[in-house]
Amino acid sequence: MMKQPMIFSLLMSFVLSLLMTLWITWINLGLPANFLWLWAKAFMLAWPAAACISFLFAPKVHQLTEKIVSKWL
């Protein structure tokens, strides 16, 4: 069914965007008074992009993974 891959892409892109923007915002800025606002802004910009990238590239990445696993493992 098509719903499972879409939900997975949304959830995975959410978690990755949340954690990566937190990490990169902290690395670049430290903890200024407006840290949460800056992080939220970065996350709001990153998540839609990550979701689109996940939807577009997940099928090819799955195919590549299958090739690697079948050849090497």
N, C-alpha and C. Protein backbone atom coordinates (compact mmCIF):
# COMPACT_ATOMS: atom_id res chain seq x y z
N MET A 1 0.84 -1.18 0.00
CA MET A 1 0.00 0.00 0.00
C MET A 1 0.89 1.25 0.00
N MET A 2 0.42 2.29 -0.59
CA MET A 2 1.20 3.51 -0.75
C MET A 2 1.28 4.36 0.51
N LYS A 3 0.36 4.17 1.45
CA LYS A 3 0.33 5.01 2.65
C LYS A 3 1.55 4.81 3.54
N GLN A 4 1.99 3.59 3.70
CA GLN A 4 3.10 3.30 4.61
C GLN A 4 4.37 4.03 4.20
N PRO A 5 4.81 3.97 2.92
CA PRO A 5 6.02 4.71 2.55
C PRO A 5 5.89 6.23 2.72
N MET A 6 4.70 6.75 2.48
CA MET A 6 4.50 8.20 2.63
C MET A 6 4.59 8.61 4.10
N ILE A 7 3.97 7.84 4.96
CA ILE A 7 4.01 8.15 6.39
C ILE A 7 5.43 7.99 6.92
N PHE A 8 6.11 6.93 6.47
CA PHE A 8 7.51 6.74 6.87
C PHE A 8 8.36 7.93 6.44
N SER A 9 8.20 8.38 5.20
CA SER A 9 8.98 9.53 4.70
C SER A 9 8.71 10.78 5.52
N LEU A 10 7.46 11.02 5.85
CA LEU A 10 7.12 12.19 6.66
C LEU A 10 7.74 12.11 8.06
N LEU A 11 7.61 10.95 8.69
CA LEU A 11 8.14 10.80 10.04
C LEU A 11 9.67 10.84 10.07
N MET A 12 10.29 10.15 9.12
CA MET A 12 11.76 10.12 9.10
C MET A 12 12.32 11.50 8.79
N SER A 13 11.72 12.20 7.84
CA SER A 13 12.20 13.55 7.52
C SER A 13 11.96 14.50 8.69
N PHE A 14 10.87 14.30 9.44
CA PHE A 14 10.60 15.11 10.62
C PHE A 14 11.71 14.93 11.66
N VAL A 15 12.00 13.67 11.99
CA VAL A 15 13.01 13.38 13.02
C VAL A 15 14.38 13.88 12.58
N LEU A 16 14.77 13.58 11.35
CA LEU A 16 16.08 14.03 10.87
C LEU A 16 16.19 15.55 10.85
N SER A 17 15.17 16.21 10.34
CA SER A 17 15.20 17.68 10.28
C SER A 17 15.25 18.28 11.67
N LEU A 18 14.45 17.73 12.57
CA LEU A 18 14.41 18.23 13.94
C LEU A 18 15.80 18.15 14.58
N LEU A 19 16.40 16.98 14.50
CA LEU A 19 17.69 16.78 15.17
C LEU A 19 18.84 17.47 14.45
N MET A 20 18.85 17.43 13.13
CA MET A 20 19.95 18.06 12.39
C MET A 20 19.92 19.59 12.53
N THR A 21 18.73 20.19 12.46
CA THR A 21 18.68 21.65 12.62
C THR A 21 19.04 22.05 14.04
N LEU A 22 18.65 21.24 15.03
CA LEU A 22 19.05 21.52 16.40
C LEU A 22 20.57 21.50 16.52
N TRP A 23 21.17 20.45 16.00
CA TRP A 23 22.62 20.27 16.08
C TRP A 23 23.36 21.39 15.35
N ILE A 24 23.00 21.65 14.13
CA ILE A 24 23.71 22.66 13.32
C ILE A 24 23.50 24.06 13.87
N THR A 25 22.28 24.36 14.33
CA THR A 25 22.03 25.68 14.92
C THR A 25 22.90 25.87 16.16
N TRP A 26 22.99 24.84 16.98
CA TRP A 26 23.81 24.92 18.19
C TRP A 26 25.29 25.04 17.85
N ILE A 27 25.76 24.25 16.89
CA ILE A 27 27.17 24.32 16.49
C ILE A 27 27.52 25.71 15.96
N ASN A 28 26.66 26.26 15.13
CA ASN A 28 26.95 27.55 14.50
C ASN A 28 26.75 28.75 15.43
N LEU A 29 25.78 28.68 16.34
CA LEU A 29 25.43 29.87 17.12
C LEU A 29 25.66 29.75 18.62
N GLY A 30 25.89 28.54 19.10
CA GLY A 30 25.92 28.37 20.55
C GLY A 30 24.51 28.45 21.09
N LEU A 31 24.36 29.01 22.28
CA LEU A 31 23.03 29.13 22.88
C LEU A 31 22.66 30.58 23.17
N PRO A 32 22.39 31.36 22.13
CA PRO A 32 21.97 32.74 22.36
C PRO A 32 20.56 32.77 22.97
N ALA A 33 20.15 33.93 23.43
CA ALA A 33 18.84 34.08 24.07
C ALA A 33 17.69 33.65 23.15
N ASN A 34 17.84 33.87 21.85
CA ASN A 34 16.78 33.53 20.90
C ASN A 34 17.02 32.20 20.19
N PHE A 35 17.76 31.30 20.84
CA PHE A 35 18.10 30.01 20.24
C PHE A 35 16.87 29.25 19.75
N LEU A 36 15.85 29.12 20.61
CA LEU A 36 14.67 28.34 20.23
C LEU A 36 13.99 28.92 18.99
N TRP A 37 13.90 30.21 18.88
CA TRP A 37 13.31 30.84 17.70
C TRP A 37 14.15 30.55 16.45
N LEU A 38 15.46 30.69 16.56
CA LEU A 38 16.33 30.43 15.41
C LEU A 38 16.28 28.97 14.99
N TRP A 39 16.25 28.08 15.97
CA TRP A 39 16.14 26.65 15.66
C TRP A 39 14.80 26.33 15.01
N ALA A 40 13.71 26.88 15.56
CA ALA A 40 12.38 26.63 14.99
C ALA A 40 12.31 27.14 13.55
N LYS A 41 12.89 28.28 13.30
CA LYS A 41 12.89 28.84 11.94
C LYS A 41 13.65 27.91 10.99
N ALA A 42 14.81 27.44 11.42
CA ALA A 42 15.60 26.52 10.58
C ALA A 42 14.82 25.23 10.34
N PHE A 43 14.17 24.71 11.38
CA PHE A 43 13.40 23.48 11.25
C PHE A 43 12.23 23.66 10.29
N MET A 44 11.51 24.76 10.40
CA MET A 44 10.36 25.01 9.52
C MET A 44 10.76 25.10 8.06
N LEU A 45 11.98 25.55 7.80
CA LEU A 45 12.48 25.60 6.43
C LEU A 45 13.00 24.24 5.98
N ALA A 46 13.58 23.49 6.90
CA ALA A 46 14.23 22.23 6.54
C ALA A 46 13.25 21.08 6.35
N TRP A 47 12.22 20.99 7.18
CA TRP A 47 11.36 19.82 7.11
C TRP A 47 10.65 19.65 5.77
N PRO A 48 10.04 20.69 5.22
CA PRO A 48 9.40 20.50 3.92
C PRO A 48 10.40 20.05 2.84
N ALA A 49 11.58 20.62 2.86
CA ALA A 49 12.60 20.22 1.89
C ALA A 49 13.00 18.77 2.10
N ALA A 50 13.21 18.38 3.35
CA ALA A 50 13.60 16.99 3.65
C ALA A 50 12.48 16.02 3.26
N ALA A 51 11.24 16.40 3.49
CA ALA A 51 10.12 15.52 3.13
C ALA A 51 10.07 15.33 1.61
N CYS A 52 10.21 16.40 0.86
CA CYS A 52 10.21 16.30 -0.61
C CYS A 52 11.37 15.44 -1.10
N ILE A 53 12.53 15.65 -0.55
CA ILE A 53 13.70 14.85 -0.94
C ILE A 53 13.46 13.38 -0.60
N SER A 54 12.89 13.11 0.56
CA SER A 54 12.61 11.74 0.96
C SER A 54 11.60 11.08 0.01
N PHE A 55 10.53 11.78 -0.32
CA PHE A 55 9.54 11.24 -1.25
C PHE A 55 10.16 10.94 -2.61
N LEU A 56 11.01 11.85 -3.08
CA LEU A 56 11.57 11.70 -4.42
C LEU A 56 12.65 10.62 -4.50
N PHE A 57 13.50 10.54 -3.51
CA PHE A 57 14.66 9.67 -3.59
C PHE A 57 14.54 8.34 -2.87
N ALA A 58 13.57 8.17 -2.00
CA ALA A 58 13.44 6.93 -1.24
C ALA A 58 13.34 5.69 -2.12
N PRO A 59 12.54 5.70 -3.19
CA PRO A 59 12.47 4.48 -4.01
C PRO A 59 13.83 4.09 -4.61
N LYS A 60 14.59 5.03 -5.09
CA LYS A 60 15.91 4.72 -5.66
C LYS A 60 16.89 4.28 -4.58
N VAL A 61 16.81 4.87 -3.42
CA VAL A 61 17.69 4.47 -2.32
C VAL A 61 17.35 3.05 -1.87
N HIS A 62 16.06 2.72 -1.84
CA HIS A 62 15.66 1.35 -1.51
C HIS A 62 16.20 0.37 -2.54
N GLN A 63 16.11 0.71 -3.82
CA GLN A 63 16.64 -0.15 -4.88
C GLN A 63 18.15 -0.35 -4.73
N LEU A 64 18.86 0.74 -4.49
CA LEU A 64 20.31 0.67 -4.30
C LEU A 64 20.65 -0.18 -3.09
N THR A 65 19.90 -0.02 -2.02
CA THR A 65 20.13 -0.82 -0.82
C THR A 65 19.95 -2.30 -1.11
N GLU A 66 18.90 -2.63 -1.84
CA GLU A 66 18.67 -4.04 -2.21
C GLU A 66 19.83 -4.60 -3.02
N LYS A 67 20.34 -3.82 -3.97
CA LYS A 67 21.48 -4.26 -4.77
C LYS A 67 22.72 -4.49 -3.91
N ILE A 68 22.99 -3.57 -3.02
CA ILE A 68 24.16 -3.69 -2.15
C ILE A 68 24.02 -4.90 -1.25
N VAL A 69 22.87 -5.06 -0.63
CA VAL A 69 22.66 -6.16 0.30
C VAL A 69 22.73 -7.50 -0.43
N SER A 70 22.11 -7.57 -1.58
CA SER A 70 22.11 -8.85 -2.31
C SER A 70 23.50 -9.22 -2.83
N LYS A 71 24.32 -8.22 -3.15
CA LYS A 71 25.65 -8.47 -3.68
C LYS A 71 26.67 -8.75 -2.58
N TRP A 72 26.60 -8.01 -1.49
CA TRP A 72 27.65 -8.06 -0.48
C TRP A 72 27.30 -8.88 0.75
N LEU A 73 26.02 -9.09 1.00
CA LEU A 73 25.67 -9.81 2.25
C LEU A 73 25.07 -11.14 1.93
